[in-house]
Amino acid sequence: MSRTATLLAAIASGCAVFLTTTARPAAAAPSLSNPSVRAAIDAAVQRERRVYGGRSPVPAVLVGVWDGAGGSYVRAYGFADLAKRRALTPNDHFRIGSNTKTFVVSVVLQLVDEGRLSLGDPLSRFRLGVTVPNARHITIGELSQMRSGLFEAYDTPEADRMNFTPETIVDPRTIIRWAVKQKPYFAPGKGYHYSNANYLLLGLIIENVTKDSVADQIRKRLLVPFALQHTSYPVTQAMPDPWAHGYGLDKHRNWQDVSGTIPVSLMGSAGEMISDLADMKRWVKLYVTGKTSGPATYHALTTCLPTGEGNLSFGLGLGCSAGWYGYTGGLPGYNTANYYFPASGVTVVSYVPAQLSKPFPGVANSIFRDIARMMTPSNVPFVLKRKASSRSGL
């Protein structure tokens, strides 16, 4: 496999896994002031660092757990920069990959609240500068729910042949054209398949309706009003200080720095954003509890439909399982998981500067699941009835 193919496979296969809403009544979460609970979280993180490691454990992990009763556990493990041996800190910035989609959907839902579009609007309503076959029968809601049937943009032969560099500028329309040349997975609304083409199209729809950039709309509508001062939709490869370098395993299973390998223009509205632990802890609760859109669109947001794999389900840019709601992101060098449990107010953030999707459900999600087993033992996410396939994205 070529270097480009390997990188694109990492984007297309990612770690954004989502789960059903079926839940048992929630018991009170154990107190994070209990030394045995804190020790158990620490042991779980160290175990997953070894499981997903190469010749040495995963270079770093940042975890945050809040129990809903004022207790918290925040710890940074390992190095943000292996070459300089700089320790990771809770203030380090990460690329958040598909967590970008939660911001994109929030803008879409605000536009619905304002009457400027509808979730039932067909794709053909919008002049996007790209022709999508069957656009009259693909709705905004289906794009948001990954039910359009459109092919995964980063799995195409054209993407594989591209010699991407960090400075490469890619128009999202080009990537969408690659995707729509491929046979759809199914007719619109007739199934589920994670495809980043859906969110590249939603980004173009936002720009068509607002006559503004996605980056500007996210900043004006979400980042500034909710004071997310350490979250950004970058237009260059630069990372704000301090930041965690991203790593991957080479053929000898040693860690190599892959920071900035994928150009931000390739990720776009499917996964371009940057944030830190504190902002994302606040954001996942705001998003999950409906503070970013109106009551009607919040109901649509949190209506999760089965994906056909075990108990996996997906809403409008939202994953849900046994009472847990949130999102996961993955791209070369970074894997992020942000989840909130409304029944008791527990929040878990798991950030790893390495994208490692095997074994299922990937390194960030495995750490989250381990912690969920402790905090909500009757409500454990990522439970499959059969071997998982890799169908998620940035």
Protein backbone atom coordinates (compact mmCIF):
# COMPACT_ATOMS: atom_id res chain seq x y z
CA MET A 1 0.00 0.00 0.00
CA SER A 2 1.35 3.46 -0.92
CA ARG A 3 2.03 6.10 1.71
CA THR A 4 -0.93 8.15 0.44
CA ALA A 5 -3.20 5.10 0.50
CA THR A 6 -2.15 4.30 4.05
CA LEU A 7 -2.91 7.83 5.23
CA LEU A 8 -6.26 7.98 3.47
CA ALA A 9 -7.24 4.59 4.84
CA ALA A 10 -6.59 6.01 8.30
CA ILE A 11 -8.94 8.90 7.57
CA ALA A 12 -11.68 6.79 6.02
CA SER A 13 -11.57 4.03 8.62
CA GLY A 14 -11.17 6.39 11.57
CA CYS A 15 -12.85 5.86 14.91
CA ALA A 16 -16.24 7.58 14.88
CA VAL A 17 -18.33 4.72 16.26
CA PHE A 18 -21.86 5.28 17.50
CA LEU A 19 -24.29 3.39 19.66
CA THR A 20 -27.95 2.86 20.49
CA THR A 21 -30.04 4.72 23.00
CA THR A 22 -31.26 1.58 24.80
CA ALA A 23 -30.34 2.08 28.45
CA ARG A 24 -30.99 0.67 31.88
CA PRO A 25 -31.87 3.03 34.73
CA ALA A 26 -28.70 4.82 35.78
CA ALA A 27 -27.20 4.19 39.20
CA ALA A 28 -25.24 6.88 41.02
CA ALA A 29 -21.72 7.24 39.64
CA PRO A 30 -18.89 6.31 42.00
CA SER A 31 -17.11 9.26 43.55
CA LEU A 32 -13.94 10.38 41.82
CA SER A 33 -12.58 11.38 45.21
CA ASN A 34 -12.33 7.67 46.02
CA PRO A 35 -8.65 6.64 45.65
CA SER A 36 -9.62 3.19 44.40
CA VAL A 37 -11.68 4.68 41.54
CA ARG A 38 -8.83 6.97 40.53
CA ALA A 39 -6.39 4.06 40.69
CA ALA A 40 -8.69 1.95 38.51
CA ILE A 41 -8.89 4.70 35.87
CA ASP A 42 -5.11 5.03 35.91
CA ALA A 43 -4.66 1.26 35.54
CA ALA A 44 -7.10 1.16 32.61
CA VAL A 45 -5.28 3.95 30.76
CA GLN A 46 -1.91 2.29 31.26
CA ARG A 47 -3.31 -1.05 30.07
CA GLU A 48 -4.69 0.47 26.85
CA ARG A 49 -1.39 2.27 26.23
CA ARG A 50 0.25 -1.14 26.18
CA VAL A 51 -2.49 -2.88 24.16
CA TYR A 52 -2.36 -0.26 21.40
CA GLY A 53 1.37 0.34 21.60
CA GLY A 54 4.21 -0.84 19.42
CA ARG A 55 7.67 -1.57 20.74
CA SER A 56 6.79 0.94 23.46
CA PRO A 57 3.42 2.09 24.84
CA VAL A 58 1.27 4.77 23.18
CA PRO A 59 3.30 8.01 23.54
CA ALA A 60 0.66 9.97 25.44
CA VAL A 61 -2.93 10.05 26.69
CA LEU A 62 -5.02 12.87 28.13
CA VAL A 63 -8.13 11.91 30.08
CA GLY A 64 -10.76 13.93 31.88
CA VAL A 65 -13.60 12.45 33.93
CA TRP A 66 -16.26 14.49 35.75
CA ASP A 67 -18.80 12.67 37.92
CA GLY A 68 -21.65 15.20 37.84
CA ALA A 69 -21.39 15.83 41.59
CA GLY A 70 -18.35 18.08 41.54
CA GLY A 71 -15.70 15.37 41.45
CA SER A 72 -13.12 15.20 38.68
CA TYR A 73 -10.10 13.28 37.50
CA VAL A 74 -7.84 14.91 34.92
CA ARG A 75 -4.45 13.47 34.07
CA ALA A 76 -1.95 13.75 31.24
CA TYR A 77 0.31 10.77 30.54
CA GLY A 78 3.47 10.68 28.47
CA PHE A 79 4.95 13.21 26.07
CA ALA A 80 3.41 15.87 23.82
CA ASP A 81 6.71 15.92 21.91
CA LEU A 82 8.81 12.77 22.00
CA ALA A 83 11.83 14.39 20.35
CA LYS A 84 12.03 17.17 22.95
CA ARG A 85 10.68 14.99 25.77
CA ARG A 86 8.10 17.65 26.61
CA ALA A 87 5.44 16.25 28.92
CA LEU A 88 1.82 16.34 27.78
CA THR A 89 -0.36 18.76 29.77
CA PRO A 90 -4.15 19.27 30.08
CA ASN A 91 -3.70 22.54 28.15
CA ASP A 92 -2.33 20.93 24.99
CA HIS A 93 -4.31 21.33 21.77
CA PHE A 94 -5.31 18.34 19.65
CA ARG A 95 -6.77 17.93 16.17
CA ILE A 96 -10.29 16.70 16.93
CA GLY A 97 -11.13 15.12 13.57
CA SER A 98 -14.77 14.11 13.20
CA ASN A 99 -15.77 15.99 16.33
CA THR A 100 -15.81 18.85 13.80
CA LYS A 101 -19.06 17.35 12.52
CA THR A 102 -20.85 18.25 15.77
CA PHE A 103 -20.13 21.92 15.06
CA VAL A 104 -21.20 21.62 11.42
CA VAL A 105 -24.51 19.99 12.40
CA SER A 106 -25.08 22.66 15.06
CA VAL A 107 -24.84 25.37 12.39
CA VAL A 108 -27.20 23.40 10.12
CA LEU A 109 -29.75 23.05 12.94
CA GLN A 110 -29.57 26.75 13.74
CA LEU A 111 -30.32 27.49 10.08
CA VAL A 112 -33.31 25.14 10.34
CA ASP A 113 -34.48 26.98 13.47
CA GLU A 114 -34.22 30.25 11.51
CA GLY A 115 -36.36 28.86 8.67
CA ARG A 116 -33.54 29.16 6.14
CA LEU A 117 -33.57 25.47 5.32
CA SER A 118 -35.25 22.22 6.36
CA LEU A 119 -33.92 18.78 7.20
CA GLY A 120 -36.26 17.52 4.48
CA ASP A 121 -34.80 19.80 1.81
CA PRO A 122 -33.33 17.87 -1.13
CA LEU A 123 -29.72 18.37 -2.03
CA SER A 124 -30.85 19.57 -5.47
CA ARG A 125 -32.22 22.76 -3.89
CA PHE A 126 -28.71 24.16 -3.45
CA ARG A 127 -26.22 25.43 -6.03
CA LEU A 128 -23.02 23.87 -4.76
CA GLY A 129 -20.81 23.84 -7.83
CA VAL A 130 -20.81 20.06 -7.98
CA THR A 131 -23.29 17.62 -9.52
CA VAL A 132 -24.49 14.82 -7.27
CA PRO A 133 -26.49 12.05 -8.95
CA ASN A 134 -29.93 11.51 -7.42
CA ALA A 135 -29.63 14.85 -5.57
CA ARG A 136 -33.42 15.28 -5.77
CA HIS A 137 -33.83 12.30 -3.46
CA ILE A 138 -31.06 12.97 -0.92
CA THR A 139 -32.09 15.20 1.99
CA ILE A 140 -30.10 17.28 4.44
CA GLY A 141 -31.34 14.98 7.20
CA GLU A 142 -29.98 11.92 5.37
CA LEU A 143 -26.61 13.60 4.88
CA SER A 144 -26.48 14.39 8.59
CA GLN A 145 -27.46 10.84 9.59
CA MET A 146 -25.03 9.12 7.17
CA ARG A 147 -28.02 7.66 5.30
CA SER A 148 -27.49 9.20 1.87
CA GLY A 149 -25.74 6.11 0.47
CA LEU A 150 -22.91 8.25 -0.93
CA PHE A 151 -19.54 6.53 -1.26
CA GLU A 152 -16.76 7.29 1.23
CA ALA A 153 -14.81 10.18 -0.27
CA TYR A 154 -11.41 9.07 1.02
CA ASP A 155 -11.74 5.49 -0.24
CA THR A 156 -11.75 6.47 -3.93
CA PRO A 157 -9.05 5.56 -6.50
CA GLU A 158 -8.50 9.26 -7.20
CA ALA A 159 -7.74 9.95 -3.56
CA ASP A 160 -5.31 7.05 -3.47
CA ARG A 161 -3.42 8.38 -6.49
CA MET A 162 -3.01 11.88 -5.09
CA ASN A 163 0.42 12.76 -3.70
CA PHE A 164 -0.79 14.87 -0.79
CA THR A 165 1.62 17.10 1.09
CA PRO A 166 0.88 19.33 4.09
CA GLU A 167 0.69 22.31 1.70
CA THR A 168 -1.74 20.69 -0.76
CA ILE A 169 -4.88 22.75 -1.35
CA VAL A 170 -7.94 20.62 -2.10
CA ASP A 171 -11.39 21.96 -3.00
CA PRO A 172 -14.10 19.90 -1.27
CA ARG A 173 -15.96 19.77 -4.59
CA THR A 174 -13.07 17.81 -6.06
CA ILE A 175 -13.29 15.22 -3.29
CA ILE A 176 -17.08 15.01 -3.64
CA ARG A 177 -16.73 14.44 -7.40
CA TRP A 178 -14.47 11.47 -6.66
CA ALA A 179 -17.07 10.05 -4.29
CA VAL A 180 -20.12 10.44 -6.55
CA LYS A 181 -18.34 8.70 -9.45
CA GLN A 182 -18.52 5.52 -7.36
CA LYS A 183 -21.63 3.39 -7.06
CA PRO A 184 -23.70 4.37 -3.99
CA TYR A 185 -23.91 1.89 -1.14
CA PHE A 186 -27.73 1.98 -1.28
CA ALA A 187 -30.64 4.23 -2.23
CA PRO A 188 -31.06 7.34 -0.06
CA GLY A 189 -32.62 6.55 3.31
CA LYS A 190 -32.36 2.78 2.83
CA GLY A 191 -29.40 2.12 5.10
CA TYR A 192 -26.46 3.50 7.02
CA HIS A 193 -22.86 3.93 5.90
CA TYR A 194 -20.40 6.42 7.34
CA SER A 195 -19.17 8.68 4.55
CA ASN A 196 -17.26 11.93 4.94
CA ALA A 197 -18.72 13.08 1.61
CA ASN A 198 -21.94 13.81 3.53
CA TYR A 199 -20.29 16.41 5.73
CA LEU A 200 -18.24 17.98 2.95
CA LEU A 201 -21.61 18.56 1.25
CA LEU A 202 -23.14 19.99 4.45
CA GLY A 203 -20.26 22.44 4.60
CA LEU A 204 -21.02 23.60 1.04
CA ILE A 205 -24.72 23.91 1.91
CA ILE A 206 -23.89 26.15 4.89
CA GLU A 207 -21.79 28.35 2.64
CA ASN A 208 -24.49 28.48 -0.04
CA VAL A 209 -27.22 29.50 2.40
CA THR A 210 -25.20 31.99 4.46
CA LYS A 211 -22.90 33.36 1.75
CA ASP A 212 -20.16 32.93 4.31
CA SER A 213 -17.47 30.36 5.06
CA VAL A 214 -18.05 27.36 7.30
CA ALA A 215 -15.16 28.55 9.47
CA ASP A 216 -16.78 31.97 9.95
CA GLN A 217 -20.22 30.54 10.67
CA ILE A 218 -18.84 28.17 13.31
CA ARG A 219 -16.88 31.00 14.90
CA LYS A 220 -19.78 33.49 14.93
CA ARG A 221 -22.51 31.08 15.97
CA LEU A 222 -20.69 28.74 18.34
CA LEU A 223 -17.12 29.53 19.31
CA VAL A 224 -17.69 33.17 20.30
CA PRO A 225 -21.16 32.84 21.92
CA PHE A 226 -20.11 29.82 23.99
CA ALA A 227 -16.66 31.24 24.80
CA LEU A 228 -14.77 28.30 23.29
CA GLN A 229 -11.56 30.29 23.19
CA HIS A 230 -9.24 27.36 22.54
CA THR A 231 -11.23 25.86 19.67
CA SER A 232 -10.65 26.81 16.04
CA TYR A 233 -11.38 25.92 12.42
CA PRO A 234 -7.88 26.52 10.99
CA VAL A 235 -7.02 27.56 7.46
CA THR A 236 -3.34 26.61 7.76
CA GLN A 237 -1.40 23.64 9.16
CA ALA A 238 -0.24 25.67 12.17
CA MET A 239 -1.21 24.46 15.63
CA PRO A 240 -1.74 26.86 18.57
CA ASP A 241 0.69 26.52 21.47
CA PRO A 242 0.88 24.32 23.42
CA TRP A 243 0.03 21.37 21.20
CA ALA A 244 0.44 17.63 21.15
CA HIS A 245 2.43 16.12 18.31
CA GLY A 246 0.67 13.26 16.55
CA TYR A 247 2.32 9.86 16.15
CA GLY A 248 1.98 6.65 14.17
CA LEU A 249 3.80 3.32 14.09
CA ASP A 250 6.40 2.71 11.38
CA LYS A 251 7.06 -0.71 9.82
CA HIS A 252 9.29 -1.61 12.76
CA ARG A 253 6.53 -0.60 15.20
CA ASN A 254 8.47 2.39 16.44
CA TRP A 255 6.72 5.74 16.89
CA GLN A 256 7.18 8.37 14.20
CA ASP A 257 5.92 11.94 14.20
CA VAL A 258 3.10 12.32 11.66
CA SER A 259 1.92 15.76 12.78
CA GLY A 260 0.48 17.78 9.91
CA THR A 261 0.71 14.89 7.45
CA ILE A 262 -2.82 15.47 6.16
CA PRO A 263 -3.54 18.96 4.74
CA VAL A 264 -6.37 20.77 6.52
CA SER A 265 -8.08 21.48 3.20
CA LEU A 266 -8.48 17.73 2.67
CA MET A 267 -10.31 17.35 5.99
CA GLY A 268 -12.52 20.43 5.66
CA SER A 269 -15.96 20.35 7.25
CA ALA A 270 -15.57 16.61 7.81
CA GLY A 271 -12.74 16.99 10.33
CA GLU A 272 -10.62 20.15 10.27
CA MET A 273 -10.98 21.58 13.77
CA ILE A 274 -8.63 21.93 16.75
CA SER A 275 -9.54 22.13 20.45
CA ASP A 276 -8.41 21.32 23.97
CA LEU A 277 -9.79 19.25 26.83
CA ALA A 278 -11.50 22.07 28.74
CA ASP A 279 -13.37 23.39 25.70
CA MET A 280 -14.49 19.98 24.54
CA LYS A 281 -15.67 19.00 28.01
CA ARG A 282 -17.96 22.04 27.94
CA TRP A 283 -18.93 21.59 24.30
CA VAL A 284 -20.11 17.97 24.50
CA LYS A 285 -22.53 18.85 27.31
CA LEU A 286 -23.82 21.93 25.46
CA TYR A 287 -24.36 19.90 22.29
CA VAL A 288 -25.91 16.84 23.94
CA THR A 289 -28.29 18.85 26.14
CA GLY A 290 -29.62 20.99 23.29
CA LYS A 291 -28.06 24.33 24.14
CA THR A 292 -26.82 24.79 20.57
CA SER A 293 -30.19 24.58 18.80
CA GLY A 294 -33.94 24.90 19.42
CA PRO A 295 -36.30 22.28 20.95
CA ALA A 296 -37.61 20.90 17.64
CA THR A 297 -34.19 20.45 16.10
CA TYR A 298 -32.86 19.06 19.38
CA HIS A 299 -35.43 16.27 19.15
CA ALA A 300 -34.21 15.51 15.63
CA LEU A 301 -30.59 15.64 16.76
CA THR A 302 -31.12 13.04 19.47
CA THR A 303 -33.26 10.64 17.44
CA CYS A 304 -30.68 7.89 16.84
CA LEU A 305 -31.33 5.17 14.28
CA PRO A 306 -29.71 1.71 14.20
CA THR A 307 -26.73 1.22 11.92
CA GLY A 308 -27.29 -2.53 11.61
CA GLU A 309 -24.16 -3.42 13.56
CA GLY A 310 -24.77 -4.74 17.06
CA ASN A 311 -26.28 -1.97 19.16
CA LEU A 312 -24.68 0.83 17.14
CA SER A 313 -26.86 3.85 16.28
CA PHE A 314 -26.40 7.33 14.86
CA GLY A 315 -28.37 10.57 15.09
CA LEU A 316 -27.75 13.93 13.42
CA GLY A 317 -24.01 13.99 13.94
CA LEU A 318 -24.45 12.32 17.31
CA GLY A 319 -23.67 8.91 18.73
CA CYS A 320 -25.86 7.40 21.46
CA SER A 321 -25.54 4.27 23.58
CA ALA A 322 -27.08 3.04 26.81
CA GLY A 323 -27.64 6.65 27.85
CA TRP A 324 -24.25 7.93 26.59
CA TYR A 325 -24.12 10.61 23.88
CA GLY A 326 -21.16 12.08 22.05
CA TYR A 327 -18.75 11.75 19.17
CA THR A 328 -15.36 10.33 18.26
CA GLY A 329 -12.76 11.61 15.81
CA GLY A 330 -9.71 10.10 14.20
CA LEU A 331 -7.10 11.17 11.67
CA PRO A 332 -3.41 10.30 11.33
CA GLY A 333 -1.77 11.23 14.64
CA TYR A 334 -4.93 11.94 16.62
CA ASN A 335 -7.89 10.12 18.19
CA THR A 336 -10.46 11.95 20.31
CA ALA A 337 -13.56 10.77 22.19
CA ASN A 338 -16.03 13.09 23.94
CA TYR A 339 -19.09 11.62 25.69
CA TYR A 340 -21.74 12.81 28.16
CA PHE A 341 -24.18 10.79 30.28
CA PRO A 342 -27.19 13.05 30.99
CA ALA A 343 -28.79 10.74 33.59
CA SER A 344 -26.05 11.46 36.12
CA GLY A 345 -24.04 14.24 34.48
CA VAL A 346 -20.89 12.17 33.94
CA THR A 347 -18.53 13.43 31.22
CA VAL A 348 -15.57 11.55 29.77
CA VAL A 349 -12.97 13.03 27.43
CA SER A 350 -10.24 10.77 26.06
CA TYR A 351 -7.54 12.28 23.83
CA VAL A 352 -4.71 10.27 22.29
CA PRO A 353 -2.04 11.70 19.93
CA ALA A 354 -2.13 8.54 17.81
CA GLN A 355 -4.83 7.01 15.64
CA LEU A 356 -5.03 3.31 16.41
CA SER A 357 -8.31 1.71 15.34
CA LYS A 358 -7.52 -1.97 15.99
CA PRO A 359 -8.57 -3.77 18.06
CA PHE A 360 -12.11 -2.40 18.04
CA PRO A 361 -13.23 0.17 19.10
CA GLY A 362 -9.91 2.02 18.84
CA VAL A 363 -7.65 3.49 21.47
CA ALA A 364 -9.61 6.62 22.55
CA ASN A 365 -12.91 4.73 22.60
CA SER A 366 -11.40 1.80 24.51
CA ILE A 367 -10.23 4.17 27.23
CA PHE A 368 -13.68 5.80 27.28
CA ARG A 369 -15.39 2.40 27.48
CA ASP A 370 -13.11 1.29 30.33
CA ILE A 371 -14.02 4.42 32.28
CA ALA A 372 -17.73 4.05 31.48
CA ARG A 373 -17.64 0.54 32.93
CA MET A 374 -16.53 2.10 36.22
CA MET A 375 -18.73 5.20 36.23
CA THR A 376 -21.92 3.66 34.76
CA PRO A 377 -21.56 -0.13 35.13
CA SER A 378 -25.14 -0.77 33.96
CA ASN A 379 -24.65 1.44 30.92
CA VAL A 380 -21.58 0.22 29.04
CA PRO A 381 -21.04 1.54 25.48
CA PHE A 382 -19.51 -0.17 22.43
CA VAL A 383 -21.14 -3.58 22.82
CA LEU A 384 -21.31 -5.55 19.57
CA LYS A 385 -23.06 -8.80 18.74
CA ARG A 386 -20.49 -9.70 16.11
CA LYS A 387 -17.05 -8.67 14.95
CA ALA A 388 -16.98 -4.98 14.10
CA SER A 389 -16.22 -3.64 10.67
CA SER A 390 -14.45 -0.34 10.21
CA ARG A 391 -16.95 2.07 8.67
CA SER A 392 -16.28 5.34 10.40
CA GLY A 393 -14.49 8.51 9.55
CA LEU A 394 -12.48 11.50 10.62
